[in-house]
């Protein structure tokens, strides 16, 4: 009777015979390395509505690189903003600047002048709004500190180390507002438009292709016409120089979607919902009519921050797949 050699126990092979090739313990070089975090866009609406508007935009371009962070509008007081920033994981001292759409008090408060001057925080506004800025109480504190940075329409300007912006003028009241296209070093982009009487083709083309589209969906037309607000307020809001209704916002988003391709915008953040003349149910019902868009929609609130919207740049192959899927 021929005896079989004894079985040898090995960490990686059971029952290997003498002389047979056996696996060796993998070295640190052989082990798969964890994938480093991808560059990331972050957006959190700290509050949006007639009581005040502030949006936080961040860009983390690479692992180990300090993120860039800016505010779009400063319509909540510095203390409230600091509290909501803290819950979002940042401080006022980490901001690189404040980009202002216009100087209505629900988009910029005079109480920001002193803390911005103390922090050395630049204020970016269009040159056509400088007259309105000079009417804001204590504006000289920023002027004296050299922190007012006017920009021009359709001219890219840097608002943070990893964030650039390009503005377009939107029709609203007398002076209008600034709409923005933000380009981030992490390979993504954001469109931002609020307080606009109507969404022009120029605006839709300006923000076409962005990964995140932030746009106001201010009122429901039926609720507005039935509201007890003064008639002149309703006439203004319903006009081409007022605000966007839910239906108008949906039409604008659809047009941007048509112009974009590649599955963009990947997220649609709806801003500035009226507390008197709109309701989340109305907004969801309106956007729910478009199956391609309804799952991308993020609603914002006046009294609390939104959930974070975090996106990574899509590889070219995946963008191509999304384009084919949407064709």
Protein backbone atom coordinates (compact mmCIF):
# COMPACT_ATOMS: atom_id res chain seq x y z
CA UNK A 1 0.00 0.00 0.00
CA UNK A 2 1.45 3.33 -1.01
CA UNK A 3 1.16 5.95 1.66
CA UNK A 4 -0.02 9.36 0.62
CA UNK A 5 2.15 12.23 1.90
CA UNK A 6 0.54 14.12 4.77
CA UNK A 7 -1.70 17.05 3.92
CA UNK A 8 -0.12 20.41 4.48
CA UNK A 9 -2.21 23.29 5.76
CA UNK A 10 -1.55 26.66 4.23
CA UNK A 11 -3.20 30.01 4.87
CA UNK A 12 -4.19 30.24 1.22
CA UNK A 13 -4.28 26.64 -0.01
CA UNK A 14 -5.71 23.60 1.76
CA UNK A 15 -4.40 20.16 0.74
CA UNK A 16 -1.39 21.35 -1.23
CA UNK A 17 1.06 18.54 -1.89
CA UNK A 18 4.78 18.79 -1.25
CA UNK A 19 6.51 20.25 -4.22
CA UNK A 20 3.32 21.82 -5.54
CA UNK A 21 3.34 25.57 -6.09
CA UNK A 22 1.84 27.34 -3.08
CA UNK A 23 0.56 30.88 -2.78
CA UNK A 24 2.71 33.32 -0.86
CA UNK A 25 1.47 35.86 1.59
CA UNK A 26 0.77 39.09 -0.33
CA UNK A 27 3.05 41.96 0.48
CA UNK A 28 1.93 45.53 1.05
CA UNK A 29 2.91 46.25 -2.55
CA UNK A 30 0.62 43.44 -3.80
CA UNK A 31 -2.43 44.52 -1.83
CA UNK A 32 -4.93 46.72 -3.70
CA UNK A 33 -4.64 50.32 -2.65
CA UNK A 34 -7.77 52.20 -1.61
CA UNK A 35 -9.08 54.58 -4.24
CA UNK A 36 -8.44 58.17 -3.14
CA UNK A 37 -11.50 60.38 -2.73
CA UNK A 38 -12.58 61.91 -6.02
CA UNK A 39 -12.78 65.69 -6.49
CA UNK A 40 -16.16 66.80 -5.18
CA UNK A 41 -18.68 69.60 -5.64
CA UNK A 42 -20.70 70.45 -2.53
CA UNK A 43 -23.80 72.64 -2.37
CA UNK A 44 -26.01 73.36 0.64
CA UNK A 45 -28.79 75.96 0.69
CA UNK A 46 -28.63 77.41 4.21
CA UNK A 47 -31.97 79.15 3.76
CA UNK A 48 -34.13 80.34 0.89
CA UNK A 49 -37.28 82.43 0.76
CA UNK A 50 -38.55 85.96 1.29
CA UNK A 51 -37.02 85.92 4.81
CA UNK A 52 -33.47 85.51 3.57
CA UNK A 53 -31.33 83.63 1.05
CA UNK A 54 -27.89 82.05 1.52
CA UNK A 55 -26.31 79.22 -0.48
CA UNK A 56 -23.00 77.55 0.35
CA UNK A 57 -20.88 76.27 -2.55
CA UNK A 58 -17.70 74.23 -2.01
CA UNK A 59 -15.11 72.58 -4.22
CA UNK A 60 -12.64 69.92 -3.07
CA UNK A 61 -10.34 69.55 -6.10
CA UNK A 62 -8.09 66.76 -4.79
CA UNK A 63 -7.36 64.73 -1.63
CA UNK A 64 -5.44 66.74 0.91
CA UNK A 65 -6.23 70.07 -0.76
CA UNK A 66 -8.12 72.59 1.32
CA UNK A 67 -11.64 73.01 -0.07
CA UNK A 68 -12.74 76.33 -1.52
CA UNK A 69 -16.00 77.68 -0.08
CA UNK A 70 -18.14 80.70 -0.99
CA UNK A 71 -21.56 82.07 -0.15
CA UNK A 72 -24.02 83.02 -2.87
CA UNK A 73 -25.99 85.89 -1.30
CA UNK A 74 -26.00 86.79 2.39
CA UNK A 75 -29.67 87.39 3.17
CA UNK A 76 -29.54 85.76 6.60
CA UNK A 77 -27.74 87.49 9.45
CA UNK A 78 -24.10 86.55 10.18
CA UNK A 79 -25.02 84.80 13.44
CA UNK A 80 -27.72 82.62 11.85
CA UNK A 81 -25.45 81.90 8.90
CA UNK A 82 -22.56 80.95 11.21
CA UNK A 83 -24.82 78.53 13.10
CA UNK A 84 -26.01 76.84 9.91
CA UNK A 85 -22.48 76.78 8.53
CA UNK A 86 -21.33 75.07 11.73
CA UNK A 87 -23.95 72.36 11.25
CA UNK A 88 -22.70 71.99 7.67
CA UNK A 89 -19.14 71.56 8.96
CA UNK A 90 -17.62 74.96 8.14
CA UNK A 91 -16.92 78.34 9.74
CA UNK A 92 -17.11 81.89 8.44
CA UNK A 93 -13.30 82.05 8.53
CA UNK A 94 -13.11 79.28 5.91
CA UNK A 95 -15.04 81.27 3.31
CA UNK A 96 -13.25 82.86 0.36
CA UNK A 97 -15.95 85.35 -0.62
CA UNK A 98 -19.61 86.32 -0.98
CA UNK A 99 -21.14 86.50 -4.46
CA UNK A 100 -24.26 88.72 -4.50
CA UNK A 101 -27.12 88.42 -6.99
CA UNK A 102 -28.54 91.85 -5.98
CA UNK A 103 -28.97 94.02 -2.91
CA UNK A 104 -32.57 93.46 -1.84
CA UNK A 105 -32.47 92.89 1.92
CA UNK A 106 -33.47 89.22 1.60
CA UNK A 107 -30.28 88.68 -0.43
CA UNK A 108 -27.82 90.90 1.44
CA UNK A 109 -28.04 92.34 4.95
CA UNK A 110 -26.12 95.36 6.18
CA UNK A 111 -25.15 93.44 9.33
CA UNK A 112 -22.57 91.63 7.20
CA UNK A 113 -20.44 94.72 6.67
CA UNK A 114 -18.49 94.59 9.94
CA UNK A 115 -17.79 90.81 10.06
CA UNK A 116 -16.80 90.76 6.40
CA UNK A 117 -14.37 93.63 6.97
CA UNK A 118 -12.94 91.89 10.05
CA UNK A 119 -12.55 88.58 8.24
CA UNK A 120 -11.19 90.17 5.06
CA UNK A 121 -14.03 88.53 3.14
CA UNK A 122 -14.45 89.99 -0.38
CA UNK A 123 -17.86 90.92 -1.75
CA UNK A 124 -18.40 90.24 -5.47
CA UNK A 125 -21.16 92.20 -7.20
CA UNK A 126 -21.84 93.42 -10.71
CA UNK A 127 -20.73 96.95 -11.46
CA UNK A 128 -24.35 97.94 -12.22
CA UNK A 129 -25.15 97.16 -8.55
CA UNK A 130 -22.46 99.43 -7.06
CA UNK A 131 -25.03 102.22 -6.73
CA UNK A 132 -27.26 99.92 -4.65
CA UNK A 133 -24.30 98.79 -2.54
CA UNK A 134 -23.52 102.40 -1.61
CA UNK A 135 -27.04 102.69 -0.18
CA UNK A 136 -26.42 99.81 2.24
CA UNK A 137 -25.66 100.97 5.77
CA UNK A 138 -21.96 100.86 6.71
CA UNK A 139 -20.92 99.98 3.17
CA UNK A 140 -17.81 102.17 3.61
CA UNK A 141 -16.29 99.49 5.85
CA UNK A 142 -15.88 97.19 2.86
CA UNK A 143 -14.88 100.03 0.54
CA UNK A 144 -12.16 101.19 2.95
CA UNK A 145 -10.85 97.66 3.37
CA UNK A 146 -10.65 97.22 -0.42
CA UNK A 147 -12.99 94.21 -0.31
CA UNK A 148 -15.50 95.25 -2.99
CA UNK A 149 -14.80 93.33 -6.18
CA UNK A 150 -17.07 94.46 -9.06
CA UNK A 151 -17.35 92.18 -12.07
CA UNK A 152 -18.60 92.50 -15.66
CA UNK A 153 -21.21 90.51 -17.51
CA UNK A 154 -19.92 87.57 -19.58
CA UNK A 155 -16.41 87.95 -18.17
CA UNK A 156 -15.07 85.09 -16.04
CA UNK A 157 -13.72 86.07 -12.63
CA UNK A 158 -12.24 84.08 -9.74
CA UNK A 159 -14.19 84.04 -6.47
CA UNK A 160 -12.13 81.38 -4.68
CA UNK A 161 -8.92 79.43 -5.38
CA UNK A 162 -10.86 76.65 -7.13
CA UNK A 163 -14.07 78.43 -8.21
CA UNK A 164 -14.61 80.87 -11.09
CA UNK A 165 -17.84 82.59 -12.08
CA UNK A 166 -19.40 84.08 -15.19
CA UNK A 167 -22.44 86.36 -14.78
CA UNK A 168 -25.46 87.23 -16.88
CA UNK A 169 -27.96 90.01 -16.20
CA UNK A 170 -31.52 88.95 -15.40
CA UNK A 171 -34.63 91.13 -15.47
CA UNK A 172 -36.07 91.88 -12.02
CA UNK A 173 -37.44 95.19 -10.76
CA UNK A 174 -35.40 98.26 -11.67
CA UNK A 175 -31.78 97.09 -11.55
CA UNK A 176 -32.13 93.43 -12.34
CA UNK A 177 -30.15 90.61 -10.77
CA UNK A 178 -27.06 88.58 -11.61
CA UNK A 179 -27.36 84.97 -12.69
CA UNK A 180 -24.20 82.87 -12.44
CA UNK A 181 -22.42 79.96 -13.97
CA UNK A 182 -19.81 78.65 -11.52
CA UNK A 183 -17.00 76.46 -12.86
CA UNK A 184 -15.21 74.33 -10.28
CA UNK A 185 -11.71 72.86 -10.44
CA UNK A 186 -13.17 69.47 -9.50
CA UNK A 187 -14.58 69.20 -13.04
CA UNK A 188 -18.18 70.22 -12.32
CA UNK A 189 -20.31 73.34 -12.71
CA UNK A 190 -23.31 75.08 -11.14
CA UNK A 191 -25.93 77.39 -12.63
CA UNK A 192 -27.66 79.86 -10.30
CA UNK A 193 -30.66 82.08 -11.09
CA UNK A 194 -33.09 83.62 -8.63
CA UNK A 195 -35.39 86.67 -8.60
CA UNK A 196 -35.97 86.79 -12.34
CA UNK A 197 -39.14 87.81 -14.07
CA UNK A 198 -38.75 85.27 -16.84
CA UNK A 199 -36.15 82.77 -18.01
CA UNK A 200 -34.73 83.98 -21.29
CA UNK A 201 -33.14 81.82 -23.96
CA UNK A 202 -29.86 83.61 -23.19
CA UNK A 203 -30.03 82.43 -19.56
CA UNK A 204 -30.85 78.85 -20.55
CA UNK A 205 -27.87 78.79 -22.89
CA UNK A 206 -25.67 80.42 -20.25
CA UNK A 207 -26.28 77.56 -17.81
CA UNK A 208 -26.63 74.71 -20.32
CA UNK A 209 -24.55 71.68 -19.40
CA UNK A 210 -24.17 72.46 -15.69
CA UNK A 211 -24.18 69.56 -13.22
CA UNK A 212 -26.36 71.41 -10.72
CA UNK A 213 -29.00 73.98 -11.66
CA UNK A 214 -30.29 76.24 -8.87
CA UNK A 215 -33.34 78.20 -9.98
CA UNK A 216 -36.23 79.86 -8.25
CA UNK A 217 -39.70 78.32 -8.24
CA UNK A 218 -41.37 81.15 -6.37
CA UNK A 219 -45.15 80.96 -6.67
CA UNK A 220 -48.19 79.01 -7.75
CA UNK A 221 -50.25 81.21 -10.06
CA UNK A 222 -53.64 80.14 -8.64
CA UNK A 223 -52.56 80.73 -5.04
CA UNK A 224 -51.14 84.11 -6.00
CA UNK A 225 -54.35 85.30 -7.65
CA UNK A 226 -56.38 84.16 -4.63
CA UNK A 227 -54.01 85.58 -2.02
CA UNK A 228 -54.86 88.48 0.28
CA UNK A 229 -51.61 90.30 -0.51
CA UNK A 230 -51.89 93.80 -2.00
CA UNK A 231 -52.80 93.69 -5.67
CA UNK A 232 -49.73 95.70 -6.69
CA UNK A 233 -47.47 93.04 -5.10
CA UNK A 234 -49.21 90.29 -7.03
CA UNK A 235 -49.03 92.27 -10.28
CA UNK A 236 -45.31 92.76 -9.78
CA UNK A 237 -44.65 89.09 -9.01
CA UNK A 238 -46.70 87.91 -11.99
CA UNK A 239 -44.97 90.31 -14.40
CA UNK A 240 -41.88 89.70 -16.54
CA UNK A 241 -39.91 91.69 -13.96
CA UNK A 242 -41.09 89.74 -10.94
CA UNK A 243 -40.52 86.08 -10.08
CA UNK A 244 -40.80 82.67 -11.72
CA UNK A 245 -43.87 80.54 -11.12
CA UNK A 246 -43.62 76.77 -10.69
CA UNK A 247 -44.73 76.32 -14.31
CA UNK A 248 -42.20 78.84 -15.61
CA UNK A 249 -39.43 77.21 -13.58
CA UNK A 250 -40.32 73.80 -15.00
CA UNK A 251 -40.28 75.18 -18.55
CA UNK A 252 -36.85 76.74 -17.92
CA UNK A 253 -35.43 73.51 -16.48
CA UNK A 254 -36.79 71.53 -19.43
CA UNK A 255 -35.15 73.94 -21.85
CA UNK A 256 -31.80 73.74 -20.03
CA UNK A 257 -32.12 69.96 -20.06
CA UNK A 258 -32.72 70.03 -23.84
CA UNK A 259 -29.66 72.20 -24.40
CA UNK A 260 -27.38 70.23 -22.08
CA UNK A 261 -27.17 66.58 -23.06
CA UNK A 262 -25.05 64.10 -21.09
CA UNK A 263 -27.76 63.76 -18.43
CA UNK A 264 -27.30 67.29 -17.12
CA UNK A 265 -28.41 68.95 -14.97
CA UNK A 266 -27.92 66.01 -12.61
CA UNK A 267 -29.59 67.92 -9.76
CA UNK A 268 -32.16 70.73 -9.84
CA UNK A 269 -32.30 72.82 -6.66
CA UNK A 270 -35.47 74.93 -6.38
CA UNK A 271 -35.08 78.26 -4.57
CA UNK A 272 -37.07 81.11 -3.08
CA UNK A 273 -40.45 79.39 -2.59
CA UNK A 274 -43.10 81.85 -1.38
CA UNK A 275 -44.57 81.01 2.03
CA UNK A 276 -47.86 82.74 1.11
CA UNK A 277 -48.34 81.81 -2.52
CA UNK A 278 -46.75 78.41 -2.91
CA UNK A 279 -46.51 75.02 -1.20
CA UNK A 280 -44.17 72.02 -1.48
CA UNK A 281 -47.08 69.89 -2.69
CA UNK A 282 -47.71 72.34 -5.54
CA UNK A 283 -44.05 72.26 -6.54
CA UNK A 284 -43.80 68.46 -6.42
CA UNK A 285 -47.02 68.10 -8.40
CA UNK A 286 -45.77 70.47 -11.08
CA UNK A 287 -42.32 68.88 -11.51
CA UNK A 288 -43.79 65.40 -11.04
CA UNK A 289 -45.31 65.68 -14.51
CA UNK A 290 -41.85 65.20 -15.99
CA UNK A 291 -40.52 61.73 -15.09
CA UNK A 292 -37.05 62.62 -16.42
CA UNK A 293 -36.70 65.52 -13.99
CA UNK A 294 -38.71 64.77 -10.87
CA UNK A 295 -36.09 62.51 -9.27
CA UNK A 296 -33.42 65.17 -9.72
CA UNK A 297 -35.34 67.88 -7.84
CA UNK A 298 -34.26 69.20 -4.41
CA UNK A 299 -36.65 71.50 -2.53
CA UNK A 300 -35.24 74.12 -0.16
CA UNK A 301 -36.64 75.71 2.99
CA UNK A 302 -36.56 79.09 4.68
CA UNK A 303 -36.00 77.96 8.26
CA UNK A 304 -33.52 75.13 7.80
CA UNK A 305 -30.63 74.09 5.60
CA UNK A 306 -31.14 71.70 2.73
CA UNK A 307 -29.41 68.36 2.53
CA UNK A 308 -25.96 68.50 0.97
CA UNK A 309 -25.78 68.01 -2.77
CA UNK A 310 -22.42 66.34 -3.43
CA UNK A 311 -21.34 65.36 -6.93
CA UNK A 312 -18.20 64.11 -8.59
CA UNK A 313 -17.18 64.77 -12.17
CA UNK A 314 -18.46 62.05 -14.48
CA UNK A 315 -15.93 60.17 -16.63
CA UNK A 316 -16.35 60.87 -20.34
CA UNK A 317 -17.51 57.28 -20.96
CA UNK A 318 -20.35 57.56 -18.47
CA UNK A 319 -21.37 60.95 -19.83
CA UNK A 320 -21.60 59.34 -23.26
CA UNK A 321 -23.80 56.57 -21.87
CA UNK A 322 -26.12 59.14 -20.28
CA UNK A 323 -26.36 60.99 -23.58
CA UNK A 324 -27.37 57.81 -25.38
CA UNK A 325 -29.86 56.93 -22.64
CA UNK A 326 -31.50 60.33 -23.01
CA UNK A 327 -31.59 60.24 -26.80
